[in-house]
PDB file of N, CA and C in Angstrom:
ATOM      1  N   MET A   1    -155.145  16.688-115.995  1.00  0.00           N
ATOM      2  CA  MET A   1    -154.045  16.336-116.410  1.00  0.00           C
ATOM      3  C   MET A   1    -153.301  15.808-115.059  1.00  0.00           C
ATOM      4  N   ARG A   2    -152.690  14.632-115.681  1.00  0.00           N
ATOM      5  CA  ARG A   2    -152.066  13.543-114.489  1.00  0.00           C
ATOM      6  C   ARG A   2    -150.922  14.267-114.107  1.00  0.00           C
ATOM      7  N   ALA A   3    -150.500  14.078-112.733  1.00  0.00           N
ATOM      8  CA  ALA A   3    -149.378  14.559-112.326  1.00  0.00           C
ATOM      9  C   ALA A   3    -148.354  13.641-112.617  1.00  0.00           C
ATOM     10  N   GLY A   4    -147.056  14.212-112.526  1.00  0.00           N
ATOM     11  CA  GLY A   4    -145.654  13.696-113.150  1.00  0.00           C
ATOM     12  C   GLY A   4    -144.966  12.953-111.870  1.00  0.00           C
ATOM     13  N   TRP A   5    -143.821  12.412-112.061  1.00  0.00           N
ATOM     14  CA  TRP A   5    -142.880  12.032-110.912  1.00  0.00           C
ATOM     15  C   TRP A   5    -142.371  13.042-110.298  1.00  0.00           C
ATOM     16  N   TYR A   6    -141.803  12.652-108.859  1.00  0.00           N
ATOM     17  CA  TYR A   6    -141.386  13.688-108.020  1.00  0.00           C
ATOM     18  C   TYR A   6    -139.888  13.280-107.467  1.00  0.00           C
ATOM     19  N   ARG A   7    -139.174  14.002-107.389  1.00  0.00           N
ATOM     20  CA  ARG A   7    -137.658  13.564-106.900  1.00  0.00           C
ATOM     21  C   ARG A   7    -137.417  14.492-105.596  1.00  0.00           C
ATOM     22  N   LEU A   8    -136.897  13.601-104.569  1.00  0.00           N
ATOM     23  CA  LEU A   8    -136.453  14.241-103.123  1.00  0.00           C
ATOM     24  C   LEU A   8    -135.085  13.896-102.770  1.00  0.00           C
ATOM     25  N   GLU A   9    -134.240  14.736-102.447  1.00  0.00           N
ATOM     26  CA  GLU A   9    -132.978  14.467-102.019  1.00  0.00           C
ATOM     27  C   GLU A   9    -132.879  14.320-100.544  1.00  0.00           C
ATOM     28  N   LEU A  10    -132.586  12.977-100.205  1.00  0.00           N
ATOM     29  CA  LEU A  10    -132.704  12.673 -98.854  1.00  0.00           C
ATOM     30  C   LEU A  10    -131.366  12.907 -97.894  1.00  0.00           C
ATOM     31  N   GLY A  11    -130.183  13.107 -98.752  1.00  0.00           N
ATOM     32  CA  GLY A  11    -129.159  13.346 -97.981  1.00  0.00           C
ATOM     33  C   GLY A  11    -128.006  12.150 -97.997  1.00  0.00           C
ATOM     34  N   ASP A  12    -127.265  12.220 -97.185  1.00  0.00           N
ATOM     35  CA  ASP A  12    -125.862  11.235 -97.199  1.00  0.00           C
ATOM     36  C   ASP A  12    -126.709   9.725 -96.899  1.00  0.00           C
ATOM     37  N   ALA A  13    -126.051   8.798 -97.676  1.00  0.00           N
ATOM     38  CA  ALA A  13    -126.501   7.519 -97.635  1.00  0.00           C
ATOM     39  C   ALA A  13    -126.376   6.969 -96.024  1.00  0.00           C
ATOM     40  N   LEU A  14    -125.327   7.347 -95.503  1.00  0.00           N
ATOM     41  CA  LEU A  14    -125.256   7.002 -94.012  1.00  0.00           C
ATOM     42  C   LEU A  14    -126.369   7.239 -92.989  1.00  0.00           C
ATOM     43  N   SER A  15    -126.862   8.481 -93.338  1.00  0.00           N
ATOM     44  CA  SER A  15    -127.913   8.751 -92.553  1.00  0.00           C
ATOM     45  C   SER A  15    -129.303   8.781 -92.973  1.00  0.00           C
ATOM     46  N   THR A  16    -129.427   8.156 -93.841  1.00  0.00           N
ATOM     47  CA  THR A  16    -131.070   7.932 -94.326  1.00  0.00           C
ATOM     48  C   THR A  16    -131.726   6.959 -94.343  1.00  0.00           C
ATOM     49  N   PRO A  17    -131.193   5.593 -93.662  1.00  0.00           N
ATOM     50  CA  PRO A  17    -131.941   4.270 -93.619  1.00  0.00           C
ATOM     51  C   PRO A  17    -133.362   4.653 -92.774  1.00  0.00           C
ATOM     52  N   GLY A  18    -133.420   5.457 -91.800  1.00  0.00           N
ATOM     53  CA  GLY A  18    -134.505   5.956 -91.059  1.00  0.00           C
ATOM     54  C   GLY A  18    -135.557   6.452 -91.906  1.00  0.00           C
ATOM     55  N   GLU A  19    -135.046   7.566 -92.700  1.00  0.00           N
ATOM     56  CA  GLU A  19    -136.052   8.259 -93.317  1.00  0.00           C
ATOM     57  C   GLU A  19    -136.564   7.335 -94.701  1.00  0.00           C
ATOM     58  N   ILE A  20    -135.820   6.515 -95.147  1.00  0.00           N
ATOM     59  CA  ILE A  20    -136.077   5.549 -96.108  1.00  0.00           C
ATOM     60  C   ILE A  20    -137.212   4.579 -95.640  1.00  0.00           C
ATOM     61  N   ALA A  21    -137.218   4.066 -94.271  1.00  0.00           N
ATOM     62  CA  ALA A  21    -137.907   3.285 -93.716  1.00  0.00           C
ATOM     63  C   ALA A  21    -139.415   3.897 -93.445  1.00  0.00           C
ATOM     64  N   LEU A  22    -139.306   5.239 -93.016  1.00  0.00           N
ATOM     65  CA  LEU A  22    -140.456   5.910 -92.885  1.00  0.00           C
ATOM     66  C   LEU A  22    -141.191   6.317 -94.321  1.00  0.00           C
ATOM     67  N   LEU A  23    -140.530   6.567 -95.357  1.00  0.00           N
ATOM     68  CA  LEU A  23    -141.115   6.717 -96.380  1.00  0.00           C
ATOM     69  C   LEU A  23    -141.867   5.470 -96.871  1.00  0.00           C
ATOM     70  N   ALA A  24    -141.283   4.486 -96.716  1.00  0.00           N
ATOM     71  CA  ALA A  24    -141.588   3.143 -97.321  1.00  0.00           C
ATOM     72  C   ALA A  24    -143.080   2.772 -96.387  1.00  0.00           C
ATOM     73  N   ALA A  25    -142.954   3.042 -95.089  1.00  0.00           N
ATOM     74  CA  ALA A  25    -144.260   2.822 -94.470  1.00  0.00           C
ATOM     75  C   ALA A  25    -145.435   3.814 -94.787  1.00  0.00           C
ATOM     76  N   GLN A  26    -145.070   4.900 -95.236  1.00  0.00           N
ATOM     77  CA  GLN A  26    -146.185   5.969 -95.720  1.00  0.00           C
ATOM     78  C   GLN A  26    -146.764   5.492 -96.891  1.00  0.00           C
ATOM     79  N   CYS A  27    -145.810   4.929 -97.774  1.00  0.00           N
ATOM     80  CA  CYS A  27    -146.444   4.476 -99.129  1.00  0.00           C
ATOM     81  C   CYS A  27    -147.237   3.217 -98.950  1.00  0.00           C
ATOM     82  N   GLN A  28    -146.727   2.612 -98.169  1.00  0.00           N
ATOM     83  CA  GLN A  28    -147.436   1.201 -97.850  1.00  0.00           C
ATOM     84  C   GLN A  28    -148.670   1.260 -97.312  1.00  0.00           C
ATOM     85  N   ALA A  29    -149.188   2.337 -96.420  1.00  0.00           N
ATOM     86  CA  ALA A  29    -150.120   2.837 -95.646  1.00  0.00           C
ATOM     87  C   ALA A  29    -151.281   3.317 -96.785  1.00  0.00           C
ATOM     88  N   LEU A  30    -150.698   4.163 -97.682  1.00  0.00           N
ATOM     89  CA  LEU A  30    -151.628   4.626 -99.022  1.00  0.00           C
ATOM     90  C   LEU A  30    -151.931   3.592 -99.954  1.00  0.00           C
ATOM     91  N   ARG A  31    -151.135   2.410 -99.944  1.00  0.00           N
ATOM     92  CA  ARG A  31    -151.400   1.262-100.762  1.00  0.00           C
ATOM     93  C   ARG A  31    -152.404   0.571-100.161  1.00  0.00           C
ATOM     94  N   LEU A  32    -152.441   0.370 -99.019  1.00  0.00           N
ATOM     95  CA  LEU A  32    -153.469  -0.430 -98.315  1.00  0.00           C
ATOM     96  C   LEU A  32    -154.682   0.390 -98.235  1.00  0.00           C
ATOM     97  N   SER A  33    -154.665   1.624 -98.247  1.00  0.00           N
ATOM     98  CA  SER A  33    -155.883   2.122 -98.243  1.00  0.00           C
ATOM     99  C   SER A  33    -156.527   2.428 -99.815  1.00  0.00           C
ATOM    100  N   GLY A  34    -155.644   1.955-100.662  1.00  0.00           N
ATOM    101  CA  GLY A  34    -156.371   1.604-102.230  1.00  0.00           C
ATOM    102  C   GLY A  34    -155.704   2.669-103.212  1.00  0.00           C
ATOM    103  N   GLN A  35    -154.567   3.226-102.571  1.00  0.00           N
ATOM    104  CA  GLN A  35    -154.120   4.156-103.584  1.00  0.00           C
ATOM    105  C   GLN A  35    -153.429   3.443-104.710  1.00  0.00           C
ATOM    106  N   ALA A  36    -153.833   2.989-105.936  1.00  0.00           N
ATOM    107  CA  ALA A  36    -153.343   2.359-106.887  1.00  0.00           C
ATOM    108  C   ALA A  36    -152.214   3.134-107.481  1.00  0.00           C
ATOM    109  N   GLY A  37    -151.306   2.236-107.557  1.00  0.00           N
ATOM    110  CA  GLY A  37    -149.948   2.730-108.534  1.00  0.00           C
ATOM    111  C   GLY A  37    -148.863   3.602-107.561  1.00  0.00           C
ATOM    112  N   ALA A  38    -149.140   3.542-106.138  1.00  0.00           N
ATOM    113  CA  ALA A  38    -148.430   4.120-105.338  1.00  0.00           C
ATOM    114  C   ALA A  38    -146.909   3.324-105.298  1.00  0.00           C
ATOM    115  N   ALA A  39    -145.908   4.188-105.583  1.00  0.00           N
ATOM    116  CA  ALA A  39    -144.609   3.412-105.373  1.00  0.00           C
ATOM    117  C   ALA A  39    -143.517   4.647-105.128  1.00  0.00           C
ATOM    118  N   ILE A  40    -142.386   4.026-104.292  1.00  0.00           N
ATOM    119  CA  ILE A  40    -141.164   5.009-104.157  1.00  0.00           C
ATOM    120  C   ILE A  40    -139.974   4.225-104.373  1.00  0.00           C
ATOM    121  N   TYR A  41    -139.261   4.817-105.134  1.00  0.00           N
ATOM    122  CA  TYR A  41    -137.847   4.246-105.449  1.00  0.00           C
ATOM    123  C   TYR A  41    -136.622   5.055-104.851  1.00  0.00           C
ATOM    124  N   THR A  42    -135.590   4.611-104.801  1.00  0.00           N
ATOM    125  CA  THR A  42    -134.323   5.265-104.336  1.00  0.00           C
ATOM    126  C   THR A  42    -133.211   4.943-105.151  1.00  0.00           C
ATOM    127  N   ARG A  43    -132.448   5.696-105.279  1.00  0.00           N
ATOM    128  CA  ARG A  43    -131.010   5.827-105.912  1.00  0.00           C
ATOM    129  C   ARG A  43    -130.009   6.543-105.149  1.00  0.00           C
ATOM    130  N   GLN A  44    -128.919   5.650-105.314  1.00  0.00           N
ATOM    131  CA  GLN A  44    -127.572   6.325-104.690  1.00  0.00           C
ATOM    132  C   GLN A  44    -126.753   6.968-105.746  1.00  0.00           C
ATOM    133  N   CYS A  45    -126.203   8.302-105.422  1.00  0.00           N
ATOM    134  CA  CYS A  45    -125.591   9.170-106.349  1.00  0.00           C
ATOM    135  C   CYS A  45    -124.211   9.385-105.782  1.00  0.00           C
ATOM    136  N   GLY A  46    -123.307   9.232-106.546  1.00  0.00           N
ATOM    137  CA  GLY A  46    -121.944   9.650-106.252  1.00  0.00           C
ATOM    138  C   GLY A  46    -121.660  11.082-106.021  1.00  0.00           C
ATOM    139  N   THR A  47    -120.830  11.513-105.218  1.00  0.00           N
ATOM    140  CA  THR A  47    -120.539  13.078-105.186  1.00  0.00           C
ATOM    141  C   THR A  47    -119.038  12.959-104.992  1.00  0.00           C
ATOM    142  N   GLU A  48    -118.616  14.327-105.060  1.00  0.00           N
ATOM    143  CA  GLU A  48    -117.272  14.457-104.724  1.00  0.00           C
ATOM    144  C   GLU A  48    -116.957  14.398-103.459  1.00  0.00           C
ATOM    145  N   GLY A  49    -117.538  14.300-102.258  1.00  0.00           N
ATOM    146  CA  GLY A  49    -117.559  14.143-101.045  1.00  0.00           C
ATOM    147  C   GLY A  49    -117.165  12.634-100.904  1.00  0.00           C
ATOM    148  N   LEU A  50    -117.046  12.252 -99.402  1.00  0.00           N
ATOM    149  CA  LEU A  50    -116.515  11.170 -98.868  1.00  0.00           C
ATOM    150  C   LEU A  50    -118.022  10.064 -99.257  1.00  0.00           C
ATOM    151  N   HIS A  51    -119.083  10.480 -98.868  1.00  0.00           N
ATOM    152  CA  HIS A  51    -120.092   9.556 -98.991  1.00  0.00           C
ATOM    153  C   HIS A  51    -121.234   9.996-100.154  1.00  0.00           C
ATOM    154  N   CYS A  52    -121.967   8.855-100.702  1.00  0.00           N
ATOM    155  CA  CYS A  52    -122.816   9.227-101.700  1.00  0.00           C
ATOM    156  C   CYS A  52    -124.055   9.879-101.105  1.00  0.00           C
ATOM    157  N   ARG A  53    -124.935  10.407-101.994  1.00  0.00           N
ATOM    158  CA  ARG A  53    -126.196  10.747-101.470  1.00  0.00           C
ATOM    159  C   ARG A  53    -127.437   9.900-102.006  1.00  0.00           C
ATOM    160  N   VAL A  54    -128.375  10.065-101.466  1.00  0.00           N
ATOM    161  CA  VAL A  54    -129.542   9.262-101.850  1.00  0.00           C
ATOM    162  C   VAL A  54    -130.750  10.196-102.336  1.00  0.00           C
ATOM    163  N   GLU A  55    -131.246   9.750-103.296  1.00  0.00           N
ATOM    164  CA  GLU A  55    -132.637  10.413-103.850  1.00  0.00           C
ATOM    165  C   GLU A  55    -133.819   9.520-103.820  1.00  0.00           C
ATOM    166  N   ALA A  56    -135.067  10.041-103.712  1.00  0.00           N
ATOM    167  CA  ALA A  56    -136.025   9.133-103.642  1.00  0.00           C
ATOM    168  C   ALA A  56    -137.047   9.653-104.650  1.00  0.00           C
ATOM    169  N   TYR A  57    -137.679   8.572-105.346  1.00  0.00           N
ATOM    170  CA  TYR A  57    -138.340   9.109-106.479  1.00  0.00           C
ATOM    171  C   TYR A  57    -139.710   8.585-106.238  1.00  0.00           C
ATOM    172  N   PHE A  58    -140.922   9.592-106.372  1.00  0.00           N
ATOM    173  CA  PHE A  58    -142.178   9.156-106.207  1.00  0.00           C
ATOM    174  C   PHE A  58    -142.835   9.149-107.385  1.00  0.00           C
ATOM    175  N   SER A  59    -143.711   8.034-107.350  1.00  0.00           N
ATOM    176  CA  SER A  59    -144.633   7.748-108.719  1.00  0.00           C
ATOM    177  C   SER A  59    -145.696   8.845-108.543  1.00  0.00           C
ATOM    178  N   PRO A  60    -146.584   9.061-109.831  1.00  0.00           N
ATOM    179  CA  PRO A  60    -147.319  10.070-109.946  1.00  0.00           C
ATOM    180  C   PRO A  60    -148.582   9.718-108.962  1.00  0.00           C
ATOM    181  N   ALA A  61    -148.579   8.718-108.594  1.00  0.00           N
ATOM    182  CA  ALA A  61    -150.227   8.372-107.703  1.00  0.00           C
ATOM    183  C   ALA A  61    -149.676   9.047-106.265  1.00  0.00           C
ATOM    184  N   LEU A  62    -148.191   9.211-105.976  1.00  0.00           N
ATOM    185  CA  LEU A  62    -147.901   9.902-104.779  1.00  0.00           C
ATOM    186  C   LEU A  62    -147.612  10.978-104.952  1.00  0.00           C
ATOM    187  N   ALA A  63    -148.066  12.085-105.826  1.00  0.00           N
ATOM    188  CA  ALA A  63    -147.841  13.493-105.883  1.00  0.00           C
ATOM    189  C   ALA A  63    -148.017  14.106-104.618  1.00  0.00           C
ATOM    190  N   GLU A  64    -149.486  13.886-104.015  1.00  0.00           N
ATOM    191  CA  GLU A  64    -149.709  14.881-102.834  1.00  0.00           C
ATOM    192  C   GLU A  64    -148.673  14.549-101.875  1.00  0.00           C
ATOM    193  N   LEU A  65    -148.223  13.298-101.434  1.00  0.00           N
ATOM    194  CA  LEU A  65    -147.268  13.073-100.482  1.00  0.00           C
ATOM    195  C   LEU A  65    -146.040  13.657-100.841  1.00  0.00           C
ATOM    196  N   ALA A  66    -145.490  13.661-102.077  1.00  0.00           N
ATOM    197  CA  ALA A  66    -144.254  14.136-102.331  1.00  0.00           C
ATOM    198  C   ALA A  66    -144.375  15.539-102.181  1.00  0.00           C
ATOM    199  N   ARG A  67    -145.370  16.277-102.672  1.00  0.00           N
ATOM    200  CA  ARG A  67    -145.354  17.660-102.521  1.00  0.00           C
ATOM    201  C   ARG A  67    -145.366  18.144-100.976  1.00  0.00           C
ATOM    202  N   LYS A  68    -145.993  17.419-100.231  1.00  0.00           N
ATOM    203  CA  LYS A  68    -145.815  17.813 -98.689  1.00  0.00           C
ATOM    204  C   LYS A  68    -144.716  17.526 -98.191  1.00  0.00           C
ATOM    205  N   LEU A  69    -143.727  16.730 -98.673  1.00  0.00           N
ATOM    206  CA  LEU A  69    -142.457  16.398 -98.180  1.00  0.00           C
ATOM    207  C   LEU A  69    -141.212  17.311 -98.917  1.00  0.00           C
ATOM    208  N   GLY A  70    -141.920  17.981 -99.732  1.00  0.00           N
ATOM    209  CA  GLY A  70    -140.734  18.995-100.646  1.00  0.00           C
ATOM    210  C   GLY A  70    -140.154  18.705-101.732  1.00  0.00           C
ATOM    211  N   ALA A  71    -140.636  17.453-102.308  1.00  0.00           N
ATOM    212  CA  ALA A  71    -140.356  16.918-103.392  1.00  0.00           C
ATOM    213  C   ALA A  71    -140.447  17.843-104.687  1.00  0.00           C
ATOM    214  N   LEU A  72    -139.433  17.823-105.702  1.00  0.00           N
ATOM    215  CA  LEU A  72    -139.648  18.552-106.754  1.00  0.00           C
ATOM    216  C   LEU A  72    -140.022  17.612-107.945  1.00  0.00           C
ATOM    217  N   PRO A  73    -140.782  18.253-108.835  1.00  0.00           N
ATOM    218  CA  PRO A  73    -141.341  17.601-110.044  1.00  0.00           C
ATOM    219  C   PRO A  73    -140.009  17.080-110.888  1.00  0.00           C
ATOM    220  N   CYS A  74    -140.261  15.923-111.592  1.00  0.00           N
ATOM    221  CA  CYS A  74    -139.050  15.563-112.460  1.00  0.00           C
ATOM    222  C   CYS A  74    -139.362  14.761-113.602  1.00  0.00           C
ATOM    223  N   ARG A  75    -138.531  14.366-114.232  1.00  0.00           N
ATOM    224  CA  ARG A  75    -138.967  13.619-115.603  1.00  0.00           C
ATOM    225  C   ARG A  75    -139.166  12.165-114.761  1.00  0.00           C
ATOM    226  N   ALA A  76    -139.865  11.184-115.804  1.00  0.00           N
ATOM    227  CA  ALA A  76    -139.902   9.892-115.255  1.00  0.00           C
ATOM    228  C   ALA A  76    -138.608   9.219-115.136  1.00  0.00           C
ATOM    229  N   PRO A  77    -138.091   8.724-114.164  1.00  0.00           N
ATOM    230  CA  PRO A  77    -136.582   7.929-113.933  1.00  0.00           C
ATOM    231  C   PRO A  77    -136.754   6.768-114.900  1.00  0.00           C
ATOM    232  N   ALA A  78    -135.447   6.497-114.945  1.00  0.00           N
ATOM    233  CA  ALA A  78    -135.351   4.793-115.602  1.00  0.00           C
ATOM    234  C   ALA A  78    -135.381   3.940-114.390  1.00  0.00           C
ATOM    235  N   LEU A  79    -136.273   3.307-114.472  1.00  0.00           N
ATOM    236  CA  LEU A  79    -136.551   2.314-113.349  1.00  0.00           C
ATOM    237  C   LEU A  79    -135.510   1.050-112.965  1.00  0.00           C
ATOM    238  N   ALA A  80    -134.921   0.744-114.266  1.00  0.00           N
ATOM    239  CA  ALA A  80    -133.846  -0.281-114.246  1.00  0.00           C
ATOM    240  C   ALA A  80    -132.768   0.206-113.298  1.00  0.00           C
ATOM    241  N   GLU A  81    -132.480   1.722-112.969  1.00  0.00           N
ATOM    242  CA  GLU A  81    -131.308   2.150-112.242  1.00  0.00           C
ATOM    243  C   GLU A  81    -131.752   2.312-110.797  1.00  0.00           C
ATOM    244  N   LEU A  82    -133.042   2.025-110.400  1.00  0.00           N
ATOM    245  CA  LEU A  82    -133.685   2.470-108.997  1.00  0.00           C
ATOM    246  C   LEU A  82    -133.809   1.145-108.172  1.00  0.00           C
ATOM    247  N   VAL A  83    -134.065   1.402-106.934  1.00  0.00           N
ATOM    248  CA  VAL A  83    -134.217   0.158-106.001  1.00  0.00           C
ATOM    249  C   VAL A  83    -135.671   0.826-105.589  1.00  0.00           C
ATOM    250  N   CYS A  84    -136.561  -0.264-105.687  1.00  0.00           N
ATOM    251  CA  CYS A  84    -138.066  -0.049-105.036  1.00  0.00           C
ATOM    252  C   CYS A  84    -138.017  -0.306-103.728  1.00  0.00           C
ATOM    253  N   ILE A  85    -138.438   0.553-102.875  1.00  0.00           N
ATOM    254  CA  ILE A  85    -138.549   0.569-101.480  1.00  0.00           C
ATOM    255  C   ILE A  85    -140.214   0.200-101.169  1.00  0.00           C
ATOM    256  N   CYS A  86    -141.245   0.448-102.010  1.00  0.00           N
ATOM    257  CA  CYS A  86    -142.513   0.273-101.913  1.00  0.00           C
ATOM    258  C   CYS A  86    -143.351   0.320-103.104  1.00  0.00           C
ATOM    259  N   GLY A  87    -144.165  -0.723-103.296  1.00  0.00           N
ATOM    260  CA  GLY A  87    -144.852  -0.682-104.731  1.00  0.00           C
ATOM    261  C   GLY A  87    -144.247  -1.099-105.761  1.00  0.00           C
ATOM    262  N   GLY A  88    -144.557  -0.515-106.770  1.00  0.00           N
ATOM    263  CA  GLY A  88    -143.797  -1.006-108.153  1.00  0.00           C
ATOM    264  C   GLY A  88    -144.370  -2.159-108.733  1.00  0.00           C
TER     265      GLY A  88
END
């Protein structure tokens, strides 16, 4: 059975640029090693607080990496609502 998508909440949008860059680098390394279909997308979500939060979505090809990072399984996201940071 093929693994599904994974979602990881990264936190406040102001504090996540470094983490997003690291995720993109990890994804790119896996793509260069032949991991077909590896992709990570992000989405900014509004909250009741001052700043929005960022969520990262991992394609099924990155299920192992996603689980290592503590991401949780989720339904396939609507890609039109996301920003691709690697792959796609």
